[in-house]
Amino acid sequence: MTASTFVLDGSLARIAGTTRLTICASEPADFAAIAGVSLGSVVTTTADFPITSAGQNRVITQAQKAVTPTLAGTVTFWAYDDGSQLLYTNPTASKVVAQGINETLGNITITNEQFVVV
């Protein structure tokens, strides 16, 4: 099965429409659950997510972002939302963060291969 770049870009563009990246203590089940697992967040814009090609895949890569944790804890997931819907979550290497101490997140890359329908 093959999908056109139009279809693949549409999926990635939806994620690129995110307005917030949140570092989380666990994976949020939905938008409302983000508040309960959030350790901090940072505003994002569509300019943060250029869509490019990598072989046969379509890719978005967000450049490094600084997040100031509002709570201390261990980050195990990050999540993107658009202010009303949870758009994407991903596990990350566990990292202990301290409240008020800036953390720089490395580049985040998402390919169309990573999509899981739920």
Protein backbone atom coordinates (compact mmCIF):
# COMPACT_ATOMS: atom_id res chain seq x y z
CA MET A 1 0.00 0.00 0.00
CA THR A 2 1.27 3.46 -0.88
CA ALA A 3 0.00 6.83 0.28
CA SER A 4 0.68 10.07 -1.56
CA THR A 5 2.78 12.81 0.03
CA PHE A 6 -0.46 14.82 0.19
CA VAL A 7 -1.94 12.29 2.62
CA LEU A 8 1.27 11.90 4.62
CA ASP A 9 1.83 15.66 4.81
CA GLY A 10 -1.76 16.13 6.01
CA SER A 11 -1.10 13.92 9.02
CA LEU A 12 2.17 15.64 9.82
CA ALA A 13 0.64 19.08 9.28
CA ARG A 14 -1.97 18.27 11.94
CA ILE A 15 0.82 17.61 14.42
CA ALA A 16 2.64 20.72 13.19
CA GLY A 17 -0.48 22.67 14.21
CA THR A 18 0.37 22.04 17.84
CA THR A 19 0.53 25.02 20.17
CA ARG A 20 2.18 23.38 23.18
CA LEU A 21 4.82 20.78 23.97
CA THR A 22 4.45 19.31 27.48
CA ILE A 23 6.95 17.20 29.39
CA CYS A 24 5.04 14.55 31.31
CA ALA A 25 5.53 12.18 34.24
CA SER A 26 3.47 9.55 32.37
CA GLU A 27 1.54 9.28 29.13
CA PRO A 28 -1.66 11.37 29.14
CA ALA A 29 -4.70 9.45 27.91
CA ASP A 30 -6.38 12.52 26.43
CA PHE A 31 -6.24 16.32 26.44
CA ALA A 32 -7.80 16.67 29.91
CA ALA A 33 -5.24 14.26 31.37
CA ILE A 34 -2.28 16.43 30.34
CA ALA A 35 -2.79 18.70 33.35
CA GLY A 36 -2.48 15.78 35.75
CA VAL A 37 0.84 14.51 34.40
CA SER A 38 2.46 17.79 33.27
CA LEU A 39 5.84 18.75 34.67
CA GLY A 40 6.10 21.83 32.43
CA SER A 41 5.37 23.05 28.92
CA VAL A 42 6.49 25.42 26.19
CA VAL A 43 4.59 27.20 23.41
CA THR A 44 5.14 25.94 19.85
CA THR A 45 4.16 27.33 16.43
CA THR A 46 3.85 25.83 12.96
CA ALA A 47 7.22 27.42 12.11
CA ASP A 48 8.78 24.94 14.56
CA PHE A 49 7.79 22.00 12.33
CA PRO A 50 9.06 22.02 8.74
CA ILE A 51 7.90 18.97 6.73
CA THR A 52 10.69 17.31 4.74
CA SER A 53 11.57 13.99 3.08
CA ALA A 54 13.81 11.27 4.47
CA GLY A 55 14.05 8.47 1.94
CA GLN A 56 10.50 7.27 1.32
CA ASN A 57 9.21 8.86 4.51
CA ARG A 58 7.82 12.29 5.25
CA VAL A 59 9.24 13.87 8.40
CA ILE A 60 8.79 16.83 10.76
CA THR A 61 11.63 17.84 13.05
CA GLN A 62 11.20 20.30 15.87
CA ALA A 63 14.38 22.11 16.80
CA GLN A 64 15.61 22.17 20.39
CA LYS A 65 13.24 23.80 22.85
CA ALA A 66 13.83 25.03 26.40
CA VAL A 67 11.20 24.09 28.98
CA THR A 68 11.08 25.42 32.55
CA PRO A 69 9.51 22.69 34.72
CA THR A 70 6.70 23.91 36.96
CA LEU A 71 7.01 20.77 39.09
CA ALA A 72 9.91 18.48 40.01
CA GLY A 73 9.65 14.88 38.85
CA THR A 74 10.76 12.35 36.27
CA VAL A 75 9.92 12.98 32.64
CA THR A 76 8.95 9.77 30.80
CA PHE A 77 6.77 11.15 27.98
CA TRP A 78 6.25 14.32 26.02
CA ALA A 79 2.97 15.39 24.44
CA TYR A 80 1.78 17.83 21.80
CA ASP A 81 -1.64 19.49 21.94
CA ASP A 82 -3.43 22.29 20.13
CA GLY A 83 -5.23 23.79 23.13
CA SER A 84 -8.23 21.47 22.85
CA GLN A 85 -6.98 18.07 21.67
CA LEU A 86 -4.07 15.78 22.46
CA LEU A 87 -2.32 15.37 19.11
CA TYR A 88 0.68 13.13 19.74
CA THR A 89 2.61 11.53 22.59
CA ASN A 90 5.93 9.75 22.67
CA PRO A 91 7.99 8.06 25.37
CA THR A 92 11.39 9.52 26.13
CA ALA A 93 14.38 8.44 28.17
CA SER A 94 13.56 9.00 31.85
CA LYS A 95 15.02 12.23 33.14
CA VAL A 96 14.71 13.81 36.58
CA VAL A 97 13.87 17.52 36.39
CA ALA A 98 13.87 20.20 39.08
CA GLN A 99 11.21 22.88 39.40
CA GLY A 100 12.29 26.18 37.86
CA ILE A 101 15.52 24.85 36.30
CA ASN A 102 15.46 25.11 32.48
CA GLU A 103 15.66 21.87 30.55
CA THR A 104 16.58 21.84 26.87
CA LEU A 105 14.85 19.18 24.83
CA GLY A 106 16.81 17.88 21.87
CA ASN A 107 15.45 17.82 18.35
CA ILE A 108 12.22 15.85 18.08
CA THR A 109 11.66 14.00 14.81
CA ILE A 110 8.38 12.37 13.82
CA THR A 111 8.01 10.28 10.66
CA ASN A 112 4.83 9.05 9.04
CA GLU A 113 6.01 5.48 9.90
CA GLN A 114 5.45 6.20 13.61
CA PHE A 115 1.70 6.72 13.35
CA VAL A 116 -0.45 4.29 15.27
CA VAL A 117 -4.20 4.43 14.86
CA VAL A 118 -6.08 4.37 18.17
